[in-house]
Structure formats: C-alpha cells, structure tokens
Amino acid sequence: MIAAGPRSAWPLLLGALIGWGASVTLLVEKFKSLTEPGYKPMCTIDQTISCTTVMDSKTASMFGFPNPIIGVVGFSVFVTVAVLLVVGISLPRWFFGGMWLGLLLGVCAIGYLVWDATFEIHALCPWCMVVWTVTPAMFAIVTGLLFRGARGPLRILAEWRWTLVAIGYAVIVLIVYLQFQSYWNDKF
C-alpha cells in the first residue's frame, strides 16, 4: 500500500482539477463550435493563438472523438484518487502503477500533440497548453510515490523526475518560441 502525504496529495489534486477544468472548457468549446454556426471559441485570439484551428485539425480527434473527452474522464479519475489521498487513504501499489502508466501515455500523447501543433497545425490552443503543463507535473508526483525507495534506474528516475520535467518544459518553450519567433517578436 502507498500513502501520499500532503506534499504529494494536494499538488496532485490541484493539477487534476486544473486539467479537468481545461478539458471541460475545451469540450464545451468544441460542442459549441459544432452546434452553433459561426461560433468563435473564447480561446481563439488570432491565427497563431487559435483553439479553432487546433480543434478543426485531424489530431483533435485522434481516436474518432474529441480529445477533451479523454481529458475529462482521465482527470476526473485523478481528482477522485487525489481526494482519497488527501484524506489519508492508502492505495495498492498496482493501482499507482496503473496511474503511472496512464500518465506516461498522457505525457507521450502530449509530446505528439506539441509537435503536431507547432510543426503541422501552426497554431497553439491555450487550454491545450494548460493540459501540457499539468500532466507532466502529475506524472512526476506519481513517479515519486510509486518509485520512492526503488533501486537502479527506477531510483534514478524518481530522484531526477523534477529535473526531467523542467527540461521537458524548457524544450517545449524553446520549440514554441523558435517555431513562432516572428509572432512573439511582433507581440512583444
């Protein structure tokens, strides 16, 4: 059984709530864009910061339905689990393993979505970027809980998890900056 102290449980809950909120907002925006002709999502500012452009891409429905549905369901599970952890309930190690695997898949999907948004779609969705931010942090939290006290490569992963997340964030910021450099230079 694994118990999470407040230093892990509360940030996990906060990340799950933020991710859930962003996913729900994206899903509502997608629904409105499908049901109201001419609807412009509130997160569409211009050609570059454009939820509309991202939502209209093939990648926005990787499995045949809007990606935010995955976020709403996945983050709902994490909100529930985080609430259990906040109140001090211990969960089996295999359960944390499942959470870790789900987050690993999420981080991999985000890597693909970042690549696609910057190099194929050429537009950024602010709510998507919120999900891009919270998911790796949640992955680091669950990695720390699952692999604390581990040996070998898993111990190294657990010890360096926040450094790896920081490097990942830095790489994404650099890619987004370089790909949209003229846009940022014009704005700032």
C-alpha atoms as a PDB file:
ATOM      1  CA  MET A   1       0.000   0.000   0.000  1.00  0.00           C
ATOM      2  CA  ILE A   2       1.155   3.507  -0.789  1.00  0.00           C
ATOM      3  CA  ALA A   3       0.142   6.562   1.185  1.00  0.00           C
ATOM      4  CA  ALA A   4       0.710  10.053  -0.118  1.00  0.00           C
ATOM      5  CA  GLY A   5       1.483  12.839   2.289  1.00  0.00           C
ATOM      6  CA  PRO A   6       0.063  16.324   1.873  1.00  0.00           C
ATOM      7  CA  ARG A   7       3.127  17.411  -0.146  1.00  0.00           C
ATOM      8  CA  SER A   8       2.104  14.963  -2.880  1.00  0.00           C
ATOM      9  CA  ALA A   9      -1.663  14.632  -2.474  1.00  0.00           C
ATOM     10  CA  TRP A  10      -2.580  18.332  -2.592  1.00  0.00           C
ATOM     11  CA  PRO A  11      -0.499  19.190  -5.698  1.00  0.00           C
ATOM     12  CA  LEU A  12      -1.890  16.084  -7.416  1.00  0.00           C
ATOM     13  CA  LEU A  13      -5.417  17.256  -6.601  1.00  0.00           C
ATOM     14  CA  LEU A  14      -4.662  20.786  -7.794  1.00  0.00           C
ATOM     15  CA  GLY A  15      -3.155  19.519 -11.067  1.00  0.00           C
ATOM     16  CA  ALA A  16      -6.093  17.182 -11.659  1.00  0.00           C
ATOM     17  CA  LEU A  17      -8.612  19.972 -11.018  1.00  0.00           C
ATOM     18  CA  ILE A  18      -6.784  22.355 -13.359  1.00  0.00           C
ATOM     19  CA  GLY A  19      -6.513  19.685 -16.077  1.00  0.00           C
ATOM     20  CA  TRP A  20     -10.162  18.746 -15.630  1.00  0.00           C
ATOM     21  CA  GLY A  21     -11.238  22.387 -15.875  1.00  0.00           C
ATOM     22  CA  ALA A  22      -9.220  22.918 -19.064  1.00  0.00           C
ATOM     23  CA  SER A  23     -10.605  19.702 -20.583  1.00  0.00           C
ATOM     24  CA  VAL A  24     -14.211  20.588 -19.735  1.00  0.00           C
ATOM     25  CA  THR A  25     -13.721  24.068 -21.203  1.00  0.00           C
ATOM     26  CA  LEU A  26     -12.264  22.589 -24.390  1.00  0.00           C
ATOM     27  CA  LEU A  27     -15.125  20.109 -24.675  1.00  0.00           C
ATOM     28  CA  VAL A  28     -17.743  22.835 -24.214  1.00  0.00           C
ATOM     29  CA  GLU A  29     -15.983  24.993 -26.807  1.00  0.00           C
ATOM     30  CA  LYS A  30     -15.845  22.065 -29.238  1.00  0.00           C
ATOM     31  CA  PHE A  31     -19.548  21.306 -28.685  1.00  0.00           C
ATOM     32  CA  LYS A  32     -20.496  24.961 -29.255  1.00  0.00           C
ATOM     33  CA  SER A  33     -18.385  25.114 -32.413  1.00  0.00           C
ATOM     34  CA  LEU A  34     -20.222  22.061 -33.744  1.00  0.00           C
ATOM     35  CA  THR A  35     -23.735  23.214 -32.805  1.00  0.00           C
ATOM     36  CA  GLU A  36     -23.601  26.988 -33.327  1.00  0.00           C
ATOM     37  CA  PRO A  37     -22.653  28.068 -36.867  1.00  0.00           C
ATOM     38  CA  GLY A  38     -20.022  30.795 -36.849  1.00  0.00           C
ATOM     39  CA  TYR A  39     -19.162  30.279 -33.179  1.00  0.00           C
ATOM     40  CA  LYS A  40     -15.685  31.503 -32.275  1.00  0.00           C
ATOM     41  CA  PRO A  41     -14.185  29.834 -29.180  1.00  0.00           C
ATOM     42  CA  MET A  42     -13.119  32.262 -26.471  1.00  0.00           C
ATOM     43  CA  CYS A  43      -9.555  30.934 -26.705  1.00  0.00           C
ATOM     44  CA  THR A  44      -9.221  31.931 -30.365  1.00  0.00           C
ATOM     45  CA  ILE A  45      -7.340  35.218 -30.365  1.00  0.00           C
ATOM     46  CA  ASP A  46      -5.717  35.264 -33.805  1.00  0.00           C
ATOM     47  CA  GLN A  47      -4.226  32.873 -36.367  1.00  0.00           C
ATOM     48  CA  THR A  48      -1.479  31.663 -34.020  1.00  0.00           C
ATOM     49  CA  ILE A  49      -3.306  31.502 -30.677  1.00  0.00           C
ATOM     50  CA  SER A  50      -6.292  29.672 -32.071  1.00  0.00           C
ATOM     51  CA  CYS A  51      -8.347  26.929 -30.496  1.00  0.00           C
ATOM     52  CA  THR A  52     -10.456  26.927 -33.656  1.00  0.00           C
ATOM     53  CA  THR A  53      -7.520  25.938 -35.860  1.00  0.00           C
ATOM     54  CA  VAL A  54      -6.408  23.242 -33.426  1.00  0.00           C
ATOM     55  CA  MET A  55      -9.955  21.904 -32.873  1.00  0.00           C
ATOM     56  CA  ASP A  56     -10.540  21.644 -36.617  1.00  0.00           C
ATOM     57  CA  SER A  57      -7.411  19.521 -37.157  1.00  0.00           C
ATOM     58  CA  LYS A  58      -7.470  15.733 -37.532  1.00  0.00           C
ATOM     59  CA  THR A  59      -5.296  15.408 -34.447  1.00  0.00           C
ATOM     60  CA  ALA A  60      -8.002  16.976 -32.256  1.00  0.00           C
ATOM     61  CA  SER A  61      -9.929  13.713 -32.570  1.00  0.00           C
ATOM     62  CA  MET A  62      -7.143  11.117 -32.581  1.00  0.00           C
ATOM     63  CA  PHE A  63      -9.468   8.232 -31.695  1.00  0.00           C
ATOM     64  CA  GLY A  64     -12.551   9.332 -33.619  1.00  0.00           C
ATOM     65  CA  PHE A  65     -13.967  11.549 -30.869  1.00  0.00           C
ATOM     66  CA  PRO A  66     -12.767  14.868 -29.433  1.00  0.00           C
ATOM     67  CA  ASN A  67      -9.581  14.535 -27.361  1.00  0.00           C
ATOM     68  CA  PRO A  68     -11.021  16.602 -24.474  1.00  0.00           C
ATOM     69  CA  ILE A  69     -13.299  13.658 -23.654  1.00  0.00           C
ATOM     70  CA  ILE A  70     -10.183  11.699 -22.715  1.00  0.00           C
ATOM     71  CA  GLY A  71      -9.086  14.614 -20.537  1.00  0.00           C
ATOM     72  CA  VAL A  72     -12.448  14.963 -18.803  1.00  0.00           C
ATOM     73  CA  VAL A  73     -12.566  11.254 -17.977  1.00  0.00           C
ATOM     74  CA  GLY A  74      -8.879  10.891 -17.087  1.00  0.00           C
ATOM     75  CA  PHE A  75      -8.661  13.986 -14.924  1.00  0.00           C
ATOM     76  CA  SER A  76     -11.942  13.026 -13.202  1.00  0.00           C
ATOM     77  CA  VAL A  77     -10.321   9.773 -12.137  1.00  0.00           C
ATOM     78  CA  PHE A  78      -7.288  11.661 -10.841  1.00  0.00           C
ATOM     79  CA  VAL A  79      -9.459  14.149  -8.939  1.00  0.00           C
ATOM     80  CA  THR A  80     -11.186  11.216  -7.230  1.00  0.00           C
ATOM     81  CA  VAL A  81      -7.927   9.450  -6.424  1.00  0.00           C
ATOM     82  CA  ALA A  82      -6.299  12.664  -5.196  1.00  0.00           C
ATOM     83  CA  VAL A  83      -9.227  13.339  -2.855  1.00  0.00           C
ATOM     84  CA  LEU A  84      -8.756   9.845  -1.412  1.00  0.00           C
ATOM     85  CA  LEU A  85      -5.055  10.551  -0.943  1.00  0.00           C
ATOM     86  CA  VAL A  86      -5.729  13.951   0.644  1.00  0.00           C
ATOM     87  CA  VAL A  87      -7.945  12.338   3.302  1.00  0.00           C
ATOM     88  CA  GLY A  88      -5.210   9.811   4.051  1.00  0.00           C
ATOM     89  CA  ILE A  89      -6.405   6.655   2.316  1.00  0.00           C
ATOM     90  CA  SER A  90      -3.616   4.336   1.158  1.00  0.00           C
ATOM     91  CA  LEU A  91      -3.957   2.639  -2.205  1.00  0.00           C
ATOM     92  CA  PRO A  92      -2.345  -0.537  -3.536  1.00  0.00           C
ATOM     93  CA  ARG A  93       0.964  -0.308  -5.384  1.00  0.00           C
ATOM     94  CA  TRP A  94      -0.589  -1.844  -8.512  1.00  0.00           C
ATOM     95  CA  PHE A  95      -3.130   0.996  -8.548  1.00  0.00           C
ATOM     96  CA  PHE A  96      -0.307   3.561  -8.573  1.00  0.00           C
ATOM     97  CA  GLY A  97       1.320   1.526 -11.327  1.00  0.00           C
ATOM     98  CA  GLY A  98      -1.838   1.898 -13.404  1.00  0.00           C
ATOM     99  CA  MET A  99      -1.952   5.632 -12.705  1.00  0.00           C
ATOM    100  CA  TRP A 100       1.712   5.931 -13.660  1.00  0.00           C
ATOM    101  CA  LEU A 101       1.148   4.056 -16.910  1.00  0.00           C
ATOM    102  CA  GLY A 102      -1.863   6.215 -17.767  1.00  0.00           C
ATOM    103  CA  LEU A 103       0.134   9.372 -17.124  1.00  0.00           C
ATOM    104  CA  LEU A 104       3.070   8.030 -19.139  1.00  0.00           C
ATOM    105  CA  LEU A 105       0.712   7.532 -22.085  1.00  0.00           C
ATOM    106  CA  GLY A 106      -0.618  11.045 -21.478  1.00  0.00           C
ATOM    107  CA  VAL A 107       2.873  12.541 -21.485  1.00  0.00           C
ATOM    108  CA  CYS A 108       3.693  10.684 -24.727  1.00  0.00           C
ATOM    109  CA  ALA A 109       0.448  11.907 -26.308  1.00  0.00           C
ATOM    110  CA  ILE A 110       1.271  15.450 -25.222  1.00  0.00           C
ATOM    111  CA  GLY A 111       4.683  15.159 -26.870  1.00  0.00           C
ATOM    112  CA  TYR A 112       2.978  14.223 -30.116  1.00  0.00           C
ATOM    113  CA  LEU A 113       0.355  16.968 -29.749  1.00  0.00           C
ATOM    114  CA  VAL A 114       3.028  19.603 -29.068  1.00  0.00           C
ATOM    115  CA  TRP A 115       4.886  18.506 -32.189  1.00  0.00           C
ATOM    116  CA  ASP A 116       1.722  18.496 -34.271  1.00  0.00           C
ATOM    117  CA  ALA A 117       0.504  21.886 -33.019  1.00  0.00           C
ATOM    118  CA  THR A 118       3.819  23.608 -33.628  1.00  0.00           C
ATOM    119  CA  PHE A 119       5.017  21.963 -36.848  1.00  0.00           C
ATOM    120  CA  GLU A 120       1.877  20.730 -38.623  1.00  0.00           C
ATOM    121  CA  ILE A 121      -1.064  22.848 -37.470  1.00  0.00           C
ATOM    122  CA  HIS A 122       0.985  26.015 -36.841  1.00  0.00           C
ATOM    123  CA  ALA A 123      -1.344  27.173 -34.072  1.00  0.00           C
ATOM    124  CA  LEU A 124      -1.481  26.983 -30.286  1.00  0.00           C
ATOM    125  CA  CYS A 125      -4.502  26.296 -28.109  1.00  0.00           C
ATOM    126  CA  PRO A 126      -4.219  27.944 -24.658  1.00  0.00           C
ATOM    127  CA  TRP A 127      -6.362  25.321 -22.917  1.00  0.00           C
ATOM    128  CA  CYS A 128      -4.313  22.548 -24.510  1.00  0.00           C
ATOM    129  CA  MET A 129      -1.179  24.210 -23.183  1.00  0.00           C
ATOM    130  CA  VAL A 130      -2.679  24.099 -19.685  1.00  0.00           C
ATOM    131  CA  VAL A 131      -3.025  20.307 -20.069  1.00  0.00           C
ATOM    132  CA  TRP A 132       0.518  20.163 -21.469  1.00  0.00           C
ATOM    133  CA  THR A 133       1.669  21.820 -18.248  1.00  0.00           C
ATOM    134  CA  VAL A 134      -0.184  19.884 -15.547  1.00  0.00           C
ATOM    135  CA  THR A 135       0.169  16.350 -16.935  1.00  0.00           C
ATOM    136  CA  PRO A 136       3.995  16.098 -16.680  1.00  0.00           C
ATOM    137  CA  ALA A 137       3.867  17.547 -13.155  1.00  0.00           C
ATOM    138  CA  MET A 138       1.273  14.953 -12.142  1.00  0.00           C
ATOM    139  CA  PHE A 139       3.454  12.275 -13.748  1.00  0.00           C
ATOM    140  CA  ALA A 140       6.396  13.418 -11.614  1.00  0.00           C
ATOM    141  CA  ILE A 141       4.291  13.279  -8.442  1.00  0.00           C
ATOM    142  CA  VAL A 142       3.060   9.741  -9.145  1.00  0.00           C
ATOM    143  CA  THR A 143       6.587   8.673 -10.175  1.00  0.00           C
ATOM    144  CA  GLY A 144       7.882   9.856  -6.812  1.00  0.00           C
ATOM    145  CA  LEU A 145       5.174   7.992  -4.919  1.00  0.00           C
ATOM    146  CA  LEU A 146       5.490   4.775  -6.891  1.00  0.00           C
ATOM    147  CA  PHE A 147       9.271   4.518  -7.107  1.00  0.00           C
ATOM    148  CA  ARG A 148      10.464   6.026  -3.835  1.00  0.00           C
ATOM    149  CA  GLY A 149      12.849   3.568  -2.291  1.00  0.00           C
ATOM    150  CA  ALA A 150      13.358   1.764  -5.609  1.00  0.00           C
ATOM    151  CA  ARG A 151      16.776   0.668  -6.842  1.00  0.00           C
ATOM    152  CA  GLY A 152      18.629   1.043 -10.093  1.00  0.00           C
ATOM    153  CA  PRO A 153      17.167   3.012 -12.990  1.00  0.00           C
ATOM    154  CA  LEU A 154      13.822   3.477 -11.249  1.00  0.00           C
ATOM    155  CA  ARG A 155      15.570   5.158  -8.326  1.00  0.00           C
ATOM    156  CA  ILE A 156      17.365   7.485 -10.727  1.00  0.00           C
ATOM    157  CA  LEU A 157      14.049   8.263 -12.422  1.00  0.00           C
ATOM    158  CA  ALA A 158      12.418   9.010  -9.061  1.00  0.00           C
ATOM    159  CA  GLU A 159      15.289  11.194  -7.890  1.00  0.00           C
ATOM    160  CA  TRP A 160      15.601  13.178 -11.119  1.00  0.00           C
ATOM    161  CA  ARG A 161      11.914  13.397 -12.022  1.00  0.00           C
ATOM    162  CA  TRP A 162      11.546  17.143 -11.403  1.00  0.00           C
ATOM    163  CA  THR A 163      14.720  17.898 -13.322  1.00  0.00           C
ATOM    164  CA  LEU A 164      13.385  15.867 -16.261  1.00  0.00           C
ATOM    165  CA  VAL A 165      10.055  17.714 -16.092  1.00  0.00           C
ATOM    166  CA  ALA A 166      11.876  21.073 -16.022  1.00  0.00           C
ATOM    167  CA  ILE A 167      13.955  20.035 -19.042  1.00  0.00           C
ATOM    168  CA  GLY A 168      10.781  18.938 -20.827  1.00  0.00           C
ATOM    169  CA  TYR A 169       9.123  22.289 -20.129  1.00  0.00           C
ATOM    170  CA  ALA A 170      12.231  24.139 -21.311  1.00  0.00           C
ATOM    171  CA  VAL A 171      12.332  22.124 -24.547  1.00  0.00           C
ATOM    172  CA  ILE A 172       8.654  22.833 -25.242  1.00  0.00           C
ATOM    173  CA  VAL A 173       9.037  26.549 -24.502  1.00  0.00           C
ATOM    174  CA  LEU A 174      12.101  26.695 -26.761  1.00  0.00           C
ATOM    175  CA  ILE A 175      10.352  24.830 -29.603  1.00  0.00           C
ATOM    176  CA  VAL A 176       7.260  27.043 -29.346  1.00  0.00           C
ATOM    177  CA  TYR A 177       9.372  30.181 -29.179  1.00  0.00           C
ATOM    178  CA  LEU A 178      11.528  29.236 -32.156  1.00  0.00           C
ATOM    179  CA  GLN A 179       8.646  27.996 -34.294  1.00  0.00           C
ATOM    180  CA  PHE A 180       6.580  31.127 -33.651  1.00  0.00           C
ATOM    181  CA  GLN A 181       9.512  33.529 -33.229  1.00  0.00           C
ATOM    182  CA  SER A 182       8.214  36.176 -35.618  1.00  0.00           C
ATOM    183  CA  TYR A 183       4.824  36.102 -33.871  1.00  0.00           C
ATOM    184  CA  TRP A 184       6.359  36.634 -30.424  1.00  0.00           C
ATOM    185  CA  ASN A 185       8.703  39.318 -31.724  1.00  0.00           C
ATOM    186  CA  ASP A 186       5.763  41.208 -33.239  1.00  0.00           C
ATOM    187  CA  LYS A 187       3.757  40.955 -29.992  1.00  0.00           C
ATOM    188  CA  PHE A 188       6.481  41.844 -27.512  1.00  0.00           C
END
